[in-house]
Protein backbone atom coordinates (compact mmCIF):
# COMPACT_ATOMS: atom_id res chain seq x y z
CA UNK A 1 2.60 -62.58 54.76
CA UNK A 2 -0.39 -60.46 53.89
CA UNK A 3 -2.67 -61.60 51.13
CA UNK A 4 -3.01 -59.55 48.09
CA UNK A 5 -6.55 -58.21 47.65
CA UNK A 6 -8.86 -59.45 44.85
CA UNK A 7 -8.55 -57.27 41.95
CA UNK A 8 -12.11 -57.45 40.12
CA UNK A 9 -12.07 -59.01 36.67
CA UNK A 10 -13.30 -55.62 34.94
CA UNK A 11 -10.11 -53.86 35.93
CA UNK A 12 -7.98 -56.99 34.33
CA UNK A 13 -8.74 -55.99 30.46
CA UNK A 14 -7.89 -59.11 28.77
CA UNK A 15 -6.84 -61.39 31.39
CA UNK A 16 -7.65 -64.75 31.77
CA UNK A 17 -8.91 -64.88 28.33
CA UNK A 18 -11.82 -62.45 29.16
CA UNK A 19 -13.48 -60.32 26.43
CA UNK A 20 -13.74 -57.27 28.86
CA UNK A 21 -11.68 -54.25 27.76
CA UNK A 22 -11.05 -51.14 29.31
CA UNK A 23 -11.50 -47.78 27.49
CA UNK A 24 -9.07 -45.50 29.52
CA UNK A 25 -9.58 -41.63 28.92
CA UNK A 26 -6.26 -40.41 27.51
CA UNK A 27 -5.37 -37.10 26.29
CA UNK A 28 -3.49 -36.63 22.68
CA UNK A 29 -1.47 -33.57 22.24
CA UNK A 30 -1.09 -31.98 18.82
CA UNK A 31 0.63 -28.43 18.38
CA UNK A 32 0.59 -26.35 15.08
CA UNK A 33 2.84 -25.09 13.75
CA UNK A 34 5.55 -27.18 14.44
CA UNK A 35 7.99 -24.08 14.55
CA UNK A 36 7.39 -20.24 14.87
CA UNK A 37 9.45 -18.05 12.74
CA UNK A 38 8.98 -14.45 12.91
CA UNK A 39 11.19 -13.42 10.18
CA UNK A 40 12.66 -9.76 10.50
CA UNK A 41 11.31 -7.54 13.11
CA UNK A 42 12.56 -4.05 13.32
CA UNK A 43 14.06 -3.63 17.01
CA UNK A 44 11.75 -1.64 18.91
CA UNK A 45 8.61 -3.11 17.41
CA UNK A 46 6.73 -6.27 18.10
CA UNK A 47 5.61 -9.30 16.25
CA UNK A 48 2.80 -11.50 17.52
CA UNK A 49 2.10 -15.33 16.40
CA UNK A 50 -0.11 -18.09 17.84
CA UNK A 51 0.29 -21.81 18.50
CA UNK A 52 -2.67 -23.83 18.62
CA UNK A 53 -2.55 -26.69 21.13
CA UNK A 54 -5.45 -29.36 20.17
CA UNK A 55 -6.30 -32.30 22.23
CA UNK A 56 -7.33 -35.30 19.91
CA UNK A 57 -7.45 -37.51 22.92
CA UNK A 58 -10.54 -38.93 25.01
CA UNK A 59 -9.26 -37.24 28.23
CA UNK A 60 -8.69 -33.83 29.18
CA UNK A 61 -5.25 -32.25 28.49
CA UNK A 62 -3.36 -30.73 31.01
CA UNK A 63 -0.51 -28.39 29.79
CA UNK A 64 0.76 -27.50 33.48
CA UNK A 65 4.22 -25.57 32.21
CA UNK A 66 4.37 -23.22 29.21
CA UNK A 67 7.72 -21.66 29.22
CA UNK A 68 10.65 -20.53 26.90
CA UNK A 69 13.65 -22.53 27.09
CA UNK A 70 16.08 -19.50 27.25
CA UNK A 71 15.03 -18.02 30.61
CA UNK A 72 17.47 -14.76 29.81
CA UNK A 73 15.44 -13.97 26.70
CA UNK A 74 12.01 -14.35 28.63
CA UNK A 75 13.33 -12.36 31.42
CA UNK A 76 14.31 -9.43 29.02
CA UNK A 77 11.16 -9.65 27.39
CA UNK A 78 12.37 -10.60 23.83
CA UNK A 79 9.94 -13.48 23.75
CA UNK A 80 6.88 -13.41 25.74
CA UNK A 81 4.74 -16.69 26.13
CA UNK A 82 0.97 -16.50 27.47
CA UNK A 83 -0.74 -18.16 28.89
CA UNK A 84 1.82 -20.12 31.46
CA UNK A 85 -0.43 -23.33 31.42
CA UNK A 86 -3.57 -24.88 29.78
CA UNK A 87 -6.59 -27.00 30.36
CA UNK A 88 -7.92 -28.40 27.03
CA UNK A 89 -11.00 -30.68 26.92
CA UNK A 90 -11.03 -33.69 24.70
CA UNK A 91 -11.70 -32.82 21.01
CA UNK A 92 -10.98 -29.14 21.75
CA UNK A 93 -8.24 -26.61 21.14
CA UNK A 94 -6.76 -23.69 22.66
CA UNK A 95 -4.27 -20.88 21.62
CA UNK A 96 -0.72 -19.88 22.89
CA UNK A 97 0.16 -16.28 22.14
CA UNK A 98 3.99 -15.38 21.48
CA UNK A 99 5.34 -12.19 21.08
CA UNK A 100 8.73 -11.34 19.92
CA UNK A 101 10.31 -7.73 20.49
CA UNK A 102 13.77 -7.88 19.55
CA UNK A 103 16.29 -5.30 21.46
CA UNK A 104 19.41 -6.14 19.47
CA UNK A 105 20.31 -6.58 15.72
CA UNK A 106 20.70 -10.15 15.71
CA UNK A 107 18.92 -13.55 15.25
CA UNK A 108 17.27 -14.92 18.39
CA UNK A 109 17.01 -18.67 18.57
CA UNK A 110 15.10 -20.51 21.42
CA UNK A 111 12.26 -22.88 21.75
CA UNK A 112 8.88 -22.97 23.73
CA UNK A 113 8.81 -26.01 26.07
CA UNK A 114 5.27 -27.43 26.93
CA UNK A 115 5.02 -30.10 29.99
CA UNK A 116 1.86 -32.15 29.32
CA UNK A 117 -0.23 -35.11 30.95
CA UNK A 118 -0.13 -36.91 27.45
CA UNK A 119 1.82 -40.01 28.55
CA UNK A 120 3.15 -40.27 24.95
CA UNK A 121 4.22 -36.70 24.79
CA UNK A 122 5.17 -35.39 28.28
CA UNK A 123 6.97 -32.89 26.83
CA UNK A 124 6.54 -30.81 23.56
CA UNK A 125 9.29 -28.71 22.22
CA UNK A 126 8.48 -25.86 19.51
CA UNK A 127 11.54 -24.10 18.10
CA UNK A 128 11.00 -20.31 17.84
CA UNK A 129 13.10 -17.61 15.74
CA UNK A 130 13.21 -14.08 14.82
CA UNK A 131 15.68 -11.56 13.66
CA UNK A 132 15.89 -7.99 14.84
CA UNK A 133 16.62 -5.57 12.05
CA UNK A 134 17.28 -1.98 11.70
CA UNK A 135 14.44 -0.63 9.47
CA UNK A 136 10.71 0.49 9.55
CA UNK A 137 9.11 3.18 7.63
CA UNK A 138 10.84 6.61 6.52
CA UNK A 139 8.85 9.72 5.75
CA UNK A 140 10.56 12.04 3.13
CA UNK A 141 8.60 15.24 2.24
CA UNK A 142 9.41 17.35 -0.81
CA UNK A 143 8.99 20.32 -0.76
CA UNK A 144 8.32 21.23 3.18
CA UNK A 145 7.14 24.43 1.87
CA UNK A 146 4.60 26.10 -0.46
CA UNK A 147 5.12 29.80 -1.75
CA UNK A 148 2.20 30.78 -3.90
CA UNK A 149 3.19 33.94 -4.89
CA UNK A 150 0.69 36.79 -5.56
CA UNK A 151 -2.74 35.62 -5.97
CA UNK A 152 -6.01 38.09 -6.27
CA UNK A 153 -8.92 38.04 -4.02
CA UNK A 154 -11.45 35.82 -6.07
CA UNK A 155 -8.67 33.95 -7.78
CA UNK A 156 -7.02 30.82 -6.65
CA UNK A 157 -3.75 28.99 -7.37
CA UNK A 158 -2.64 25.22 -6.74
CA UNK A 159 0.79 23.72 -5.55
CA UNK A 160 1.74 20.32 -4.75
CA UNK A 161 4.11 18.69 -2.10
CA UNK A 162 4.86 14.92 -2.27
CA UNK A 163 5.00 12.55 0.91
CA UNK A 164 7.19 9.40 0.14
CA UNK A 165 8.07 6.46 2.17
CA UNK A 166 11.70 5.60 1.55
CA UNK A 167 11.67 2.96 4.35
CA UNK A 168 11.06 -0.89 4.12
CA UNK A 169 7.73 -1.01 5.88
CA UNK A 170 4.25 0.74 5.37
CA UNK A 171 4.19 4.27 6.47
CA UNK A 172 0.86 5.26 8.00
CA UNK A 173 -0.18 9.09 8.20
CA UNK A 174 -2.20 9.92 10.97
CA UNK A 175 -5.65 10.89 10.04
CA UNK A 176 -5.76 13.43 12.88
CA UNK A 177 -3.00 15.33 11.77
CA UNK A 178 -3.84 18.96 12.12
CA UNK A 179 -3.72 22.08 9.55
CA UNK A 180 -3.04 25.29 11.19
CA UNK A 181 -3.18 28.94 10.24
CA UNK A 182 -5.29 30.70 7.56
CA UNK A 183 -8.35 28.64 6.07
CA UNK A 184 -7.45 29.76 2.50
CA UNK A 185 -5.23 26.96 2.09
CA UNK A 186 -7.24 23.82 1.32
CA UNK A 187 -5.88 20.42 0.94
CA UNK A 188 -7.75 19.06 -2.41
CA UNK A 189 -5.91 15.70 -2.13
CA UNK A 190 -5.34 15.15 1.51
CA UNK A 191 -2.27 12.55 2.52
CA UNK A 192 -4.00 12.30 6.00
CA UNK A 193 -5.29 8.79 6.77
CA UNK A 194 -3.07 7.24 3.78
CA UNK A 195 -0.78 4.37 3.87
CA UNK A 196 2.02 4.60 1.89
CA UNK A 197 3.79 1.36 0.81
CA UNK A 198 7.79 1.10 0.56
CA UNK A 199 9.10 3.05 -2.23
CA UNK A 200 5.62 4.63 -3.01
CA UNK A 201 4.49 8.27 -2.64
CA UNK A 202 1.23 10.41 -2.24
CA UNK A 203 0.94 13.82 -4.14
CA UNK A 204 -0.81 16.26 -1.99
CA UNK A 205 -2.42 19.15 -3.98
CA UNK A 206 -3.07 22.38 -2.34
CA UNK A 207 -5.59 25.33 -3.34
CA UNK A 208 -4.97 28.74 -2.31
CA UNK A 209 -7.92 31.11 -2.53
CA UNK A 210 -7.52 34.34 -0.38
CA UNK A 211 -10.31 36.10 0.82
CA UNK A 212 -8.43 39.40 1.55
CA UNK A 213 -5.01 40.97 0.14
CA UNK A 214 -3.53 41.27 3.52
CA UNK A 215 -1.35 37.85 2.84
CA UNK A 216 -1.81 34.43 4.39
CA UNK A 217 0.37 31.98 6.09
CA UNK A 218 -0.46 28.29 7.25
CA UNK A 219 0.96 24.96 8.01
CA UNK A 220 0.23 21.11 8.08
CA UNK A 221 1.95 19.16 10.72
CA UNK A 222 1.85 15.56 9.23
CA UNK A 223 2.26 12.88 12.18
CA UNK A 224 3.31 9.17 11.11
CA UNK A 225 4.61 6.05 12.44
CA UNK A 226 8.21 7.08 11.45
CA UNK A 227 10.23 6.18 14.51
CA UNK A 228 12.77 8.62 13.64
CA UNK A 229 10.76 11.64 12.26
CA UNK A 230 7.24 11.22 13.68
CA UNK A 231 6.43 14.79 12.80
CA UNK A 232 6.90 16.96 9.80
CA UNK A 233 5.72 20.44 9.10
CA UNK A 234 4.81 21.91 5.50
CA UNK A 235 4.42 25.23 5.45
CA UNK A 236 2.13 27.52 3.12
CA UNK A 237 2.33 30.98 2.20
CA UNK A 238 0.55 33.44 -0.07
CA UNK A 239 0.66 37.07 -1.08
CA UNK A 240 3.58 37.51 0.89
CA UNK A 241 2.62 35.88 4.17
CA UNK A 242 1.09 37.26 7.31
CA UNK A 243 1.86 38.26 10.90
CA UNK A 244 -1.87 38.18 11.66
CA UNK A 245 -3.28 35.30 14.00
CA UNK A 246 -6.05 33.48 12.60
CA UNK A 247 -9.17 31.83 14.11
CA UNK A 248 -8.68 28.47 15.54
CA UNK A 249 -11.21 25.63 15.34
CA UNK A 250 -11.09 22.96 18.21
CA UNK A 251 -12.82 19.75 18.27
CA UNK A 252 -13.49 18.04 21.61
CA UNK A 253 -15.25 14.46 21.32
CA UNK A 254 -14.63 11.07 21.90
CA UNK A 255 -12.37 9.22 19.75
CA UNK A 256 -14.02 5.75 20.32
CA UNK A 257 -17.63 4.81 20.93
CA UNK A 258 -19.98 1.94 20.09
CA UNK A 259 -22.20 1.63 17.13
CA UNK A 260 -25.58 3.28 17.83
CA UNK A 261 -24.13 5.87 20.26
CA UNK A 262 -24.89 9.60 19.79
CA UNK A 263 -21.70 11.72 20.35
CA UNK A 264 -21.66 15.49 20.95
CA UNK A 265 -19.03 17.16 18.80
CA UNK A 266 -18.02 20.19 20.76
CA UNK A 267 -16.63 23.23 18.98
CA UNK A 268 -16.98 25.49 21.71
CA UNK A 269 -13.36 25.55 22.76
CA UNK A 270 -12.82 27.36 19.31
CA UNK A 271 -11.45 31.15 19.44
CA UNK A 272 -10.28 33.81 17.88
CA UNK A 273 -6.99 35.17 19.21
CA UNK A 274 -7.73 38.79 18.41
CA UNK A 275 -11.24 38.58 19.83
CA UNK A 276 -13.21 39.04 16.70
CA UNK A 277 -16.14 36.85 17.99
CA UNK A 278 -18.99 35.33 17.87
CA UNK A 279 -17.69 32.82 15.69
CA UNK A 280 -19.66 30.83 12.77
CA UNK A 281 -19.29 27.10 12.82
CA UNK A 282 -19.19 25.01 9.90
CA UNK A 283 -19.18 21.40 10.74
CA UNK A 284 -18.62 18.56 7.84
CA UNK A 285 -18.70 14.79 7.82
CA UNK A 286 -15.58 13.81 5.68
CA UNK A 287 -15.37 10.26 5.74
CA UNK A 288 -17.87 7.42 7.16
CA UNK A 289 -18.35 3.66 6.65
CA UNK A 290 -19.59 2.67 3.13
CA UNK A 291 -22.73 1.21 4.52
CA UNK A 292 -23.45 4.26 7.06
CA UNK A 293 -26.22 6.90 6.49
CA UNK A 294 -25.01 8.80 9.46
CA UNK A 295 -24.81 12.67 9.43
CA UNK A 296 -24.09 15.78 11.61
CA UNK A 297 -27.20 17.33 13.05
CA UNK A 298 -27.39 20.99 12.64
CA UNK A 299 -23.77 21.49 11.34
CA UNK A 300 -23.97 25.31 11.90
CA UNK A 301 -24.07 24.67 15.50
CA UNK A 302 -21.37 25.12 17.93
CA UNK A 303 -21.83 21.74 19.49
CA UNK A 304 -23.92 19.55 17.09
CA UNK A 305 -24.53 15.64 17.22
CA UNK A 306 -23.88 12.71 15.30
CA UNK A 307 -25.18 9.07 15.47
CA UNK A 308 -22.67 6.38 14.67
CA UNK A 309 -25.09 3.83 12.80
CA UNK A 310 -22.62 1.17 11.99
CA UNK A 311 -19.12 0.11 13.06
CA UNK A 312 -16.17 1.64 11.23
CA UNK A 313 -14.35 4.73 10.96
CA UNK A 314 -15.66 8.21 10.75
CA UNK A 315 -13.95 11.52 10.17
CA UNK A 316 -15.47 15.16 10.83
CA UNK A 317 -14.08 18.43 10.32
CA UNK A 318 -14.96 21.83 11.58
CA UNK A 319 -14.13 25.48 10.06
CA UNK A 320 -14.84 28.76 12.20
CA UNK A 321 -15.14 32.15 10.80
CA UNK A 322 -14.59 35.44 12.72
CA UNK A 323 -16.70 38.49 12.65
CA UNK A 324 -14.10 39.84 10.10
CA UNK A 325 -14.99 36.87 7.70
CA UNK A 326 -11.54 35.47 8.19
CA UNK A 327 -11.55 31.79 8.49
CA UNK A 328 -9.70 29.25 10.38
CA UNK A 329 -7.63 26.21 9.00
CA UNK A 330 -10.01 23.13 8.93
CA UNK A 331 -9.49 20.85 12.05
CA UNK A 332 -10.30 17.24 11.74
CA UNK A 333 -11.09 14.56 14.14
CA UNK A 334 -11.48 10.77 13.65
CA UNK A 335 -13.83 8.50 15.45
CA UNK A 336 -13.96 4.74 15.68
CA UNK A 337 -17.25 3.15 16.30
CA UNK A 338 -16.09 -0.08 17.94
CA UNK A 339 -18.41 -2.65 19.56
CA UNK A 340 -18.25 -3.37 23.31
CA UNK A 341 -20.03 -6.64 23.45
CA UNK A 342 -18.17 -10.13 23.40
CA UNK A 343 -20.08 -10.89 20.03
CA UNK A 344 -21.39 -8.47 17.74
CA UNK A 345 -23.00 -9.33 14.25
CA UNK A 346 -23.78 -6.53 11.78
CA UNK A 347 -25.60 -6.84 8.59
CA UNK A 348 -25.99 -4.14 5.79
CA UNK A 349 -27.06 -4.26 2.31
CA UNK A 350 -26.70 -2.22 -0.79
CA UNK A 351 -30.32 -1.61 -2.04
CA UNK A 352 -32.57 0.88 -0.22
CA UNK A 353 -35.83 -1.24 -1.20
CA UNK A 354 -34.69 -4.48 -0.31
CA UNK A 355 -35.50 -6.03 3.00
CA UNK A 356 -32.64 -8.57 4.41
CA UNK A 357 -32.83 -10.31 7.78
CA UNK A 358 -29.99 -11.09 10.31
CA UNK A 359 -30.14 -14.44 12.05
CA UNK A 360 -27.94 -15.86 15.03
CA UNK A 361 -28.50 -19.33 15.58
CA UNK A 362 -27.23 -21.22 18.58
CA UNK A 363 -25.46 -24.61 18.45
CA UNK A 364 -27.58 -26.53 16.00
CA UNK A 365 -27.49 -24.79 12.45
CA UNK A 366 -30.61 -26.61 11.47
CA UNK A 367 -32.41 -24.77 13.96
CA UNK A 368 -33.41 -22.27 11.33
CA UNK A 369 -36.50 -20.05 12.34
CA UNK A 370 -36.79 -22.35 15.74
CA UNK A 371 -38.54 -20.13 18.30
CA UNK A 372 -36.05 -21.30 21.04
CA UNK A 373 -32.53 -21.46 19.11
CA UNK A 374 -32.89 -18.59 16.27
CA UNK A 375 -32.58 -14.89 17.42
CA UNK A 376 -34.33 -13.30 14.40
CA UNK A 377 -37.04 -10.56 13.68
CA UNK A 378 -39.73 -12.84 15.16
CA UNK A 379 -37.70 -13.87 18.27
CA UNK A 380 -35.41 -10.79 19.08
CA UNK A 381 -34.28 -11.77 22.39
CA UNK A 382 -34.21 -15.51 23.41
CA UNK A 383 -33.33 -16.86 26.67
CA UNK A 384 -29.95 -18.57 26.00
CA UNK A 385 -27.68 -19.93 28.32
CA UNK A 386 -28.36 -19.58 31.90
CA UNK A 387 -32.11 -19.20 32.32
CA UNK A 388 -33.34 -15.64 33.42
CA UNK A 389 -29.52 -14.22 32.81
CA UNK A 390 -29.91 -11.43 30.05
CA UNK A 391 -26.00 -11.16 29.78
CA UNK A 392 -25.79 -14.51 27.67
CA UNK A 393 -28.84 -13.81 25.62
CA UNK A 394 -28.56 -12.46 22.11
CA UNK A 395 -30.31 -9.10 21.32
CA UNK A 396 -31.46 -8.13 17.88
CA UNK A 397 -31.20 -4.16 17.97
CA UNK A 398 -34.28 -3.70 15.54
CA UNK A 399 -35.78 -5.16 12.25
CA UNK A 400 -34.74 -2.92 9.53
CA UNK A 401 -37.29 -3.27 6.70
CA UNK A 402 -35.40 -0.91 4.04
CA UNK A 403 -32.64 1.56 3.59
CA UNK A 404 -29.81 -0.81 3.75
CA UNK A 405 -29.64 -1.61 7.35
CA UNK A 406 -27.98 -2.05 9.72
CA UNK A 407 -29.32 -4.67 11.55
CA UNK A 408 -27.31 -5.93 14.66
CA UNK A 409 -27.48 -8.71 17.10
CA UNK A 410 -25.23 -8.51 20.35
CA UNK A 411 -24.39 -10.92 23.16
CA UNK A 412 -22.70 -9.53 26.20
CA UNK A 413 -21.22 -12.38 27.64
CA UNK A 414 -22.01 -15.72 25.86
CA UNK A 415 -22.23 -18.94 26.95
CA UNK A 416 -20.08 -21.86 25.73
CA UNK A 417 -21.18 -23.02 22.38
CA UNK A 418 -21.25 -22.36 18.58
CA UNK A 419 -23.30 -19.49 17.23
CA UNK A 420 -24.16 -19.51 13.58
CA UNK A 421 -24.78 -16.57 11.41
CA UNK A 422 -27.28 -16.59 8.92
CA UNK A 423 -28.71 -13.75 6.40
CA UNK A 424 -32.15 -14.20 4.73
CA UNK A 425 -33.37 -12.06 1.84
CA UNK A 426 -36.94 -11.67 2.89
CA UNK A 427 -38.65 -9.35 0.77
CA UNK A 428 -37.12 -7.61 -2.48
CA UNK A 429 -39.65 -4.89 -3.17
CA UNK A 430 -38.70 -4.78 -6.60
CA UNK A 431 -34.96 -4.06 -5.85
CA UNK A 432 -33.72 -7.35 -7.67
CA UNK A 433 -30.29 -8.91 -6.93
CA UNK A 434 -28.61 -7.15 -3.80
CA UNK A 435 -25.13 -7.48 -2.08
CA UNK A 436 -25.43 -8.11 1.66
CA UNK A 437 -22.18 -7.48 4.04
CA UNK A 438 -21.69 -9.06 7.47
CA UNK A 439 -19.32 -7.97 9.98
CA UNK A 440 -18.52 -9.98 12.97
CA UNK A 441 -16.50 -8.55 15.93
CA UNK A 442 -15.16 -10.70 18.97
CA UNK A 443 -14.48 -8.98 22.16
CA UNK A 444 -14.36 -5.56 20.11
CA UNK A 445 -12.01 -6.61 17.43
CA UNK A 446 -13.13 -7.27 13.91
CA UNK A 447 -12.66 -10.71 13.21
CA UNK A 448 -14.51 -11.47 9.88
CA UNK A 449 -15.89 -9.02 7.06
CA UNK A 450 -17.88 -11.23 4.49
CA UNK A 451 -20.24 -10.23 1.19
CA UNK A 452 -22.36 -12.11 -1.04
CA UNK A 453 -24.88 -11.36 -3.67
CA UNK A 454 -28.19 -12.58 -3.01
CA UNK A 455 -31.91 -12.91 -4.68
CA UNK A 456 -35.04 -12.87 -3.04
CA UNK A 457 -35.75 -15.62 -0.67
CA UNK A 458 -32.06 -16.89 -0.65
CA UNK A 459 -30.32 -17.88 2.79
CA UNK A 460 -26.83 -17.24 3.08
CA UNK A 461 -24.80 -19.36 5.63
CA UNK A 462 -21.91 -16.85 6.68
CA UNK A 463 -20.02 -18.19 9.24
CA UNK A 464 -20.06 -19.39 12.96
CA UNK A 465 -18.38 -18.16 16.05
CA UNK A 466 -16.89 -20.79 18.62
CA UNK A 467 -17.11 -19.15 22.15
CA UNK A 468 -15.46 -19.04 24.36
CA UNK A 469 -12.01 -19.63 21.95
CA UNK A 470 -13.44 -16.79 19.99
CA UNK A 471 -12.82 -18.38 16.67
CA UNK A 472 -14.63 -16.91 13.51
CA UNK A 473 -14.89 -19.78 10.66
CA UNK A 474 -16.43 -18.73 7.48
CA UNK A 475 -19.11 -21.55 5.84
CA UNK A 476 -18.63 -20.45 2.22
CA UNK A 477 -21.39 -22.49 0.88
CA UNK A 478 -23.59 -21.24 -2.06
CA UNK A 479 -26.80 -19.22 -1.28
CA UNK A 480 -30.07 -21.30 -1.57
CA UNK A 481 -33.98 -20.90 -1.35
CA UNK A 482 -35.45 -20.82 2.21
CA UNK A 483 -38.10 -23.27 3.21
CA UNK A 484 -39.13 -21.22 6.15
CA UNK A 485 -40.23 -17.56 6.59
CA UNK A 486 -41.23 -17.16 9.89
CA UNK A 487 -40.69 -18.55 13.54
CA UNK A 488 -41.91 -21.99 14.32
CA UNK A 489 -43.77 -22.15 17.44
């Protein structure tokens, strides 16, 4: 009989009266919430919820299978669960994304099963439920035609049409819904870009101011997210209408860009069907973010430019006029300035004379004004992460000393860690109290927007970003006086 090998005493924790103990590295899985309920979701639409899988143990957690209990629902795409597996380090967490897209009018019940290496919980089951319903937004427009009757040249008249939502979900009117025909019809109150709550309505006021007595006709094609009637047309008639064709304004420009980018607004595709050219051009900036100072350069040119100085939505318009003085309907075009970096932090403030500074501190929130750890006006591009790799380094786009900003800090491909956002009211220049606003984008999506009143030399601890999870957590403390005003060497 072979003798058993001797087992070292260190592996026999507590044996033979020994005081030596073995600390095993064991995962401890925790899942929140304990159940997912999507509620009522319209058939043909999609709801998305997240499960947070945390590891409260001392060893790495392997979730080597994440799947829906009812395979048929998964194969039909009613429930989609991603990712199919996870590795979660000790003390960390990760997200499981679950989407629900009902294909029938009934309740869909199942469960998400997660197989783990936690010896105490090898199988975690999370119930999931959602109901497919018939509903959604439902647009109703009354009336669908406005006749202004007879209006003398030099005079004007107004009329109303009402856009109502008779559905059970918010109705979104597309901002790029286009007006056509005569430019004598002007939307005084514009429904485009509006969100109308269930049971709510929007009164659209239209003005008619003819420039000739030949008669005018036009229309507005309202596009919305009503699944049954995505387009509803409202017609306009004045002075008996007209058979003449009008000039047409055409805008060719990007619909999305990144903050700081300069775009060409190309109106050269505009035309007059009757050949009464050359056209004259009148551009306008209809909407811009509250903190933006953007403007259209040379708005009488066929192709001017605009610089998107901050993130958010912009709307431009163009009206052209032919050699007979007949104007087109006003064309509109919306542009979304959306960051392209993995982390994008933007600071603006509401006092032109004030000087506020944006800081992004790596990992240690106490490293305020540290040369290595704080990206700010006196350290605008420190070397973080892998030495010499600029992709994981923060970059302050510029130190703005007045005008309300913006100041931005970006990281293209951040290293793992936590990044703390700070604002310092460096100099008030007589401006007094001012409100600072910070927007934090993660992977191009707005993850947090925060505002705070500040006085001279106060520090505002805004929030931190945990990477690569992409979490943004507001810190929420009161502003306090700063002991530091420049980088420590």
